[in-house]
Amino acid sequence: MNQIEYVLTCVIEECNELAQRACKIQRFGLTEIQPGQEKNNAERLIEEWYDLVGSMMFLRNICDVPPGDLNAPLTKIEKIRKYMKYSKEKGTLTEEK
């Protein structure tokens, strides 16, 4: 395994950990604190996000991964809003948080 493969494995692991924490929030809520933990699910989700971002930053430092469009997250937010509206129209999404 070379350095790029190693860091890609870290990226994959962090994606999975972020997804797992999101599932915990769906099941148990943002404010739930698991036994033996000090932080709630929302805090732990953000930590997983930072771990993923850090892994991606490291990957960019060791290979030719382009920085991408810094406005891409804003574009994604608009896309989510568009499809949330559509889901509400279809009756599959409620107004509540």
Protein backbone atom coordinates (compact mmCIF):
# COMPACT_ATOMS: atom_id res chain seq x y z
CA MET A 1 0.00 0.00 0.00
CA ASN A 2 1.40 3.40 -0.90
CA GLN A 3 0.76 6.72 0.87
CA ILE A 4 -2.12 7.71 -1.39
CA GLU A 5 -3.87 4.36 -0.86
CA TYR A 6 -3.32 4.69 2.88
CA VAL A 7 -4.86 8.16 3.04
CA LEU A 8 -7.72 7.10 0.75
CA THR A 9 -8.47 4.36 3.26
CA CYS A 10 -8.60 7.03 5.96
CA VAL A 11 -11.01 9.05 3.82
CA ILE A 12 -13.23 6.00 3.34
CA GLU A 13 -13.22 5.29 7.08
CA GLU A 14 -14.12 8.89 7.90
CA CYS A 15 -16.99 8.86 5.39
CA ASN A 16 -18.35 5.75 7.08
CA GLU A 17 -17.96 7.23 10.56
CA LEU A 18 -19.76 10.39 9.48
CA ALA A 19 -22.58 8.31 8.02
CA GLN A 20 -22.79 6.20 11.17
CA ARG A 21 -23.08 9.28 13.38
CA ALA A 22 -25.82 10.69 11.11
CA CYS A 23 -27.71 7.40 11.53
CA LYS A 24 -27.32 7.65 15.31
CA ILE A 25 -28.87 11.11 15.17
CA GLN A 26 -31.81 9.82 13.15
CA ARG A 27 -32.35 7.03 15.65
CA PHE A 28 -31.61 8.76 18.96
CA GLY A 29 -31.60 12.53 18.33
CA LEU A 30 -29.05 15.33 18.22
CA THR A 31 -28.73 15.76 21.98
CA GLU A 32 -28.41 12.10 23.00
CA ILE A 33 -25.17 11.24 24.75
CA GLN A 34 -24.13 7.62 24.48
CA PRO A 35 -23.08 5.87 27.69
CA GLY A 36 -19.39 6.42 28.33
CA GLN A 37 -19.26 9.50 26.09
CA GLU A 38 -19.00 13.16 27.06
CA LYS A 39 -20.31 14.73 23.87
CA ASN A 40 -23.74 14.54 22.28
CA ASN A 41 -24.45 13.26 18.79
CA ALA A 42 -24.42 16.74 17.21
CA GLU A 43 -20.97 17.49 18.63
CA ARG A 44 -19.68 14.11 17.53
CA LEU A 45 -21.10 14.59 14.02
CA ILE A 46 -19.12 17.82 13.66
CA GLU A 47 -15.98 16.05 14.91
CA GLU A 48 -16.45 13.36 12.26
CA TRP A 49 -16.91 16.07 9.63
CA TYR A 50 -13.63 17.69 10.67
CA ASP A 51 -11.90 14.32 10.57
CA LEU A 52 -13.11 13.84 7.00
CA VAL A 53 -12.08 17.35 5.96
CA GLY A 54 -8.66 16.83 7.54
CA SER A 55 -8.22 13.55 5.70
CA MET A 56 -9.15 15.21 2.42
CA MET A 57 -6.77 18.09 3.08
CA PHE A 58 -3.98 15.62 3.75
CA LEU A 59 -4.80 13.77 0.54
CA ARG A 60 -4.61 17.03 -1.41
CA ASN A 61 -1.17 17.65 0.10
CA ILE A 62 0.28 14.36 -1.15
CA CYS A 63 -1.31 14.07 -4.59
CA ASP A 64 -2.97 16.00 -7.36
CA VAL A 65 -6.49 16.32 -5.99
CA PRO A 66 -7.79 19.68 -7.25
CA PRO A 67 -9.12 22.17 -4.70
CA GLY A 68 -12.46 22.30 -6.46
CA ASP A 69 -15.02 25.08 -6.48
CA LEU A 70 -15.31 26.88 -3.15
CA ASN A 71 -18.92 27.76 -4.02
CA ALA A 72 -19.88 24.10 -4.49
CA PRO A 73 -21.27 23.76 -0.94
CA LEU A 74 -23.59 26.71 -1.56
CA THR A 75 -24.74 25.13 -4.82
CA LYS A 76 -25.46 21.90 -2.92
CA ILE A 77 -27.50 23.78 -0.30
CA GLU A 78 -29.68 25.23 -3.06
CA LYS A 79 -30.12 21.80 -4.62
CA ILE A 80 -31.20 20.35 -1.26
CA ARG A 81 -33.72 23.17 -0.79
CA LYS A 82 -35.11 22.57 -4.29
CA TYR A 83 -35.66 18.87 -3.66
CA MET A 84 -37.01 19.42 -0.15
CA LYS A 85 -39.67 21.66 -1.68
CA TYR A 86 -40.47 18.96 -4.22
CA SER A 87 -40.70 16.31 -1.49
CA LYS A 88 -43.09 18.52 0.49
CA GLU A 89 -45.25 18.92 -2.62
CA LYS A 90 -45.29 15.12 -2.99
CA GLY A 91 -46.25 14.70 0.67
CA THR A 92 -43.17 12.73 1.64
CA LEU A 93 -41.59 15.46 3.81
CA THR A 94 -43.18 17.24 6.73
CA GLU A 95 -42.59 20.85 7.81
CA GLU A 96 -41.31 19.97 11.29
CA LYS A 97 -37.62 19.70 12.14
